[in-house]
């Protein structure tokens, strides 16, 4: 395949669907039929980092995510919903934020990790 492997078991009733325009090495969304605006997504991209901490602390990475989101077209405001956390076992960062734009408010919870030269974002 693509030189990496992962598994994800979504909650019952969620079905896998690919995005029509892929912008990552691998990108999968899981949606639940009849439930609008609630989904799981996974993206995978190659990186030169050995760990996420090489990119920054959880707070620094959260600030970069907020800035990237604010600079997207149609986004008015982005705020952290709670303080970013680092999983002491995996080194993954959990970043929870709210994005307010012309399409409404979205509450996003991300779990980001680097393993074997790949950046995984759930």
C-alpha atoms as a PDB file:
ATOM      1  CA  UNK A   1       0.000   0.000   0.000  1.00  0.00           C
ATOM      2  CA  UNK A   2       1.028   3.470   0.952  1.00  0.00           C
ATOM      3  CA  UNK A   3       3.704   2.508   3.503  1.00  0.00           C
ATOM      4  CA  UNK A   4       1.581   2.830   6.648  1.00  0.00           C
ATOM      5  CA  UNK A   5      -1.242   1.078   8.425  1.00  0.00           C
ATOM      6  CA  UNK A   6      -3.822   1.969  11.055  1.00  0.00           C
ATOM      7  CA  UNK A   7      -7.180   0.746  12.258  1.00  0.00           C
ATOM      8  CA  UNK A   8     -10.191   2.637  13.544  1.00  0.00           C
ATOM      9  CA  UNK A   9     -13.466   1.222  14.789  1.00  0.00           C
ATOM     10  CA  UNK A  10     -16.160   3.912  14.590  1.00  0.00           C
ATOM     11  CA  UNK A  11     -19.238   3.787  16.803  1.00  0.00           C
ATOM     12  CA  UNK A  12     -22.132   1.622  15.675  1.00  0.00           C
ATOM     13  CA  UNK A  13     -24.072   2.991  12.713  1.00  0.00           C
ATOM     14  CA  UNK A  14     -21.243   5.082  11.235  1.00  0.00           C
ATOM     15  CA  UNK A  15     -20.374   4.317   7.620  1.00  0.00           C
ATOM     16  CA  UNK A  16     -17.111   4.995   5.804  1.00  0.00           C
ATOM     17  CA  UNK A  17     -17.127   7.507   2.988  1.00  0.00           C
ATOM     18  CA  UNK A  18     -14.247   9.145   1.159  1.00  0.00           C
ATOM     19  CA  UNK A  19     -14.083  12.865   0.494  1.00  0.00           C
ATOM     20  CA  UNK A  20     -14.500  13.781  -3.183  1.00  0.00           C
ATOM     21  CA  UNK A  21     -11.423  16.046  -3.150  1.00  0.00           C
ATOM     22  CA  UNK A  22      -8.546  14.517  -1.217  1.00  0.00           C
ATOM     23  CA  UNK A  23      -5.919  16.877   0.170  1.00  0.00           C
ATOM     24  CA  UNK A  24      -3.971  14.344   2.282  1.00  0.00           C
ATOM     25  CA  UNK A  25      -2.065  11.115   1.632  1.00  0.00           C
ATOM     26  CA  UNK A  26      -5.022   9.278   3.176  1.00  0.00           C
ATOM     27  CA  UNK A  27      -8.342  10.789   4.237  1.00  0.00           C
ATOM     28  CA  UNK A  28     -11.472   8.985   5.407  1.00  0.00           C
ATOM     29  CA  UNK A  29     -14.715  10.272   6.914  1.00  0.00           C
ATOM     30  CA  UNK A  30     -17.296   8.301   8.859  1.00  0.00           C
ATOM     31  CA  UNK A  31     -20.846   9.630   8.990  1.00  0.00           C
ATOM     32  CA  UNK A  32     -24.068   8.371  10.485  1.00  0.00           C
ATOM     33  CA  UNK A  33     -27.050   8.238   8.174  1.00  0.00           C
ATOM     34  CA  UNK A  34     -29.756  10.646   9.243  1.00  0.00           C
ATOM     35  CA  UNK A  35     -27.483  12.567  11.638  1.00  0.00           C
ATOM     36  CA  UNK A  36     -26.237  15.791  10.111  1.00  0.00           C
ATOM     37  CA  UNK A  37     -23.074  17.546  11.269  1.00  0.00           C
ATOM     38  CA  UNK A  38     -21.660  14.688  13.342  1.00  0.00           C
ATOM     39  CA  UNK A  39     -18.748  12.788  11.857  1.00  0.00           C
ATOM     40  CA  UNK A  40     -15.360  11.235  12.447  1.00  0.00           C
ATOM     41  CA  UNK A  41     -12.478  11.928  10.115  1.00  0.00           C
ATOM     42  CA  UNK A  42      -8.956  10.594   9.823  1.00  0.00           C
ATOM     43  CA  UNK A  43      -6.119  12.148   7.840  1.00  0.00           C
ATOM     44  CA  UNK A  44      -2.602  10.807   7.336  1.00  0.00           C
ATOM     45  CA  UNK A  45       0.371  12.728   5.943  1.00  0.00           C
ATOM     46  CA  UNK A  46       4.125  12.093   5.825  1.00  0.00           C
ATOM     47  CA  UNK A  47       6.265  14.317   8.077  1.00  0.00           C
ATOM     48  CA  UNK A  48       9.937  14.585   8.958  1.00  0.00           C
ATOM     49  CA  UNK A  49       9.190  14.710  12.683  1.00  0.00           C
ATOM     50  CA  UNK A  50      10.002  11.870  15.048  1.00  0.00           C
ATOM     51  CA  UNK A  51       7.464  13.153  17.582  1.00  0.00           C
ATOM     52  CA  UNK A  52       4.780  15.803  17.772  1.00  0.00           C
ATOM     53  CA  UNK A  53       6.739  17.610  20.500  1.00  0.00           C
ATOM     54  CA  UNK A  54       9.343  18.534  17.839  1.00  0.00           C
ATOM     55  CA  UNK A  55       6.611  20.715  16.287  1.00  0.00           C
ATOM     56  CA  UNK A  56       5.669  22.327  19.600  1.00  0.00           C
ATOM     57  CA  UNK A  57       3.947  21.921  22.934  1.00  0.00           C
ATOM     58  CA  UNK A  58       0.218  21.141  22.975  1.00  0.00           C
ATOM     59  CA  UNK A  59      -0.447  24.860  23.516  1.00  0.00           C
ATOM     60  CA  UNK A  60       1.806  25.889  20.602  1.00  0.00           C
ATOM     61  CA  UNK A  61       0.228  23.337  18.256  1.00  0.00           C
ATOM     62  CA  UNK A  62      -3.251  24.459  19.348  1.00  0.00           C
ATOM     63  CA  UNK A  63      -2.298  28.072  18.545  1.00  0.00           C
ATOM     64  CA  UNK A  64      -1.116  26.997  15.066  1.00  0.00           C
ATOM     65  CA  UNK A  65      -4.368  25.114  14.452  1.00  0.00           C
ATOM     66  CA  UNK A  66      -6.419  28.125  15.578  1.00  0.00           C
ATOM     67  CA  UNK A  67      -4.443  30.448  13.268  1.00  0.00           C
ATOM     68  CA  UNK A  68      -4.802  28.079  10.299  1.00  0.00           C
ATOM     69  CA  UNK A  69      -8.538  27.767  10.929  1.00  0.00           C
ATOM     70  CA  UNK A  70      -9.028  31.550  11.309  1.00  0.00           C
ATOM     71  CA  UNK A  71      -7.294  32.092   7.960  1.00  0.00           C
ATOM     72  CA  UNK A  72      -9.731  29.800   6.138  1.00  0.00           C
ATOM     73  CA  UNK A  73     -12.286  31.518   3.928  1.00  0.00           C
ATOM     74  CA  UNK A  74     -15.564  32.254   5.704  1.00  0.00           C
ATOM     75  CA  UNK A  75     -14.301  31.699   9.258  1.00  0.00           C
ATOM     76  CA  UNK A  76     -15.026  34.556  11.672  1.00  0.00           C
ATOM     77  CA  UNK A  77     -13.685  33.300  14.991  1.00  0.00           C
ATOM     78  CA  UNK A  78     -11.973  30.258  16.488  1.00  0.00           C
ATOM     79  CA  UNK A  79     -11.688  29.629  20.220  1.00  0.00           C
ATOM     80  CA  UNK A  80     -10.260  26.807  22.274  1.00  0.00           C
ATOM     81  CA  UNK A  81     -13.036  24.932  24.046  1.00  0.00           C
ATOM     82  CA  UNK A  82     -10.678  23.578  26.700  1.00  0.00           C
ATOM     83  CA  UNK A  83      -6.948  23.478  27.388  1.00  0.00           C
ATOM     84  CA  UNK A  84      -4.934  21.243  25.029  1.00  0.00           C
ATOM     85  CA  UNK A  85      -3.694  17.973  26.532  1.00  0.00           C
ATOM     86  CA  UNK A  86      -0.844  15.560  25.848  1.00  0.00           C
ATOM     87  CA  UNK A  87      -1.322  11.827  26.329  1.00  0.00           C
ATOM     88  CA  UNK A  88       1.664  10.803  28.479  1.00  0.00           C
ATOM     89  CA  UNK A  89       1.719   7.279  27.007  1.00  0.00           C
ATOM     90  CA  UNK A  90       1.345   7.950  23.251  1.00  0.00           C
ATOM     91  CA  UNK A  91       2.512  11.573  23.043  1.00  0.00           C
ATOM     92  CA  UNK A  92      -0.677  12.417  21.118  1.00  0.00           C
ATOM     93  CA  UNK A  93      -2.194  15.876  21.552  1.00  0.00           C
ATOM     94  CA  UNK A  94      -5.895  16.439  22.137  1.00  0.00           C
ATOM     95  CA  UNK A  95      -7.097  19.828  20.918  1.00  0.00           C
ATOM     96  CA  UNK A  96     -10.724  20.847  21.349  1.00  0.00           C
ATOM     97  CA  UNK A  97     -11.955  24.037  19.658  1.00  0.00           C
ATOM     98  CA  UNK A  98     -14.988  25.828  18.223  1.00  0.00           C
ATOM     99  CA  UNK A  99     -14.934  27.371  14.752  1.00  0.00           C
ATOM    100  CA  UNK A 100     -17.566  29.995  13.946  1.00  0.00           C
ATOM    101  CA  UNK A 101     -18.080  30.874  10.296  1.00  0.00           C
ATOM    102  CA  UNK A 102     -20.615  31.713   7.635  1.00  0.00           C
ATOM    103  CA  UNK A 103     -21.775  28.066   7.654  1.00  0.00           C
ATOM    104  CA  UNK A 104     -22.391  28.136  11.409  1.00  0.00           C
ATOM    105  CA  UNK A 105     -20.539  26.902  14.472  1.00  0.00           C
ATOM    106  CA  UNK A 106     -18.541  23.685  14.453  1.00  0.00           C
ATOM    107  CA  UNK A 107     -17.147  21.998  17.543  1.00  0.00           C
ATOM    108  CA  UNK A 108     -14.016  20.032  16.645  1.00  0.00           C
ATOM    109  CA  UNK A 109     -12.067  17.636  18.829  1.00  0.00           C
ATOM    110  CA  UNK A 110      -8.780  16.492  17.351  1.00  0.00           C
ATOM    111  CA  UNK A 111      -6.356  13.846  18.489  1.00  0.00           C
ATOM    112  CA  UNK A 112      -3.024  14.259  16.716  1.00  0.00           C
ATOM    113  CA  UNK A 113       0.009  11.961  16.797  1.00  0.00           C
ATOM    114  CA  UNK A 114       3.238  11.276  14.910  1.00  0.00           C
ATOM    115  CA  UNK A 115       4.426   7.708  14.420  1.00  0.00           C
ATOM    116  CA  UNK A 116       7.002   6.283  12.020  1.00  0.00           C
ATOM    117  CA  UNK A 117       7.200   9.464   9.930  1.00  0.00           C
ATOM    118  CA  UNK A 118       3.435   9.874   9.571  1.00  0.00           C
ATOM    119  CA  UNK A 119       1.142  12.520  11.051  1.00  0.00           C
ATOM    120  CA  UNK A 120      -2.208  11.051  12.100  1.00  0.00           C
ATOM    121  CA  UNK A 121      -5.130  13.371  12.866  1.00  0.00           C
ATOM    122  CA  UNK A 122      -8.417  11.968  14.146  1.00  0.00           C
END
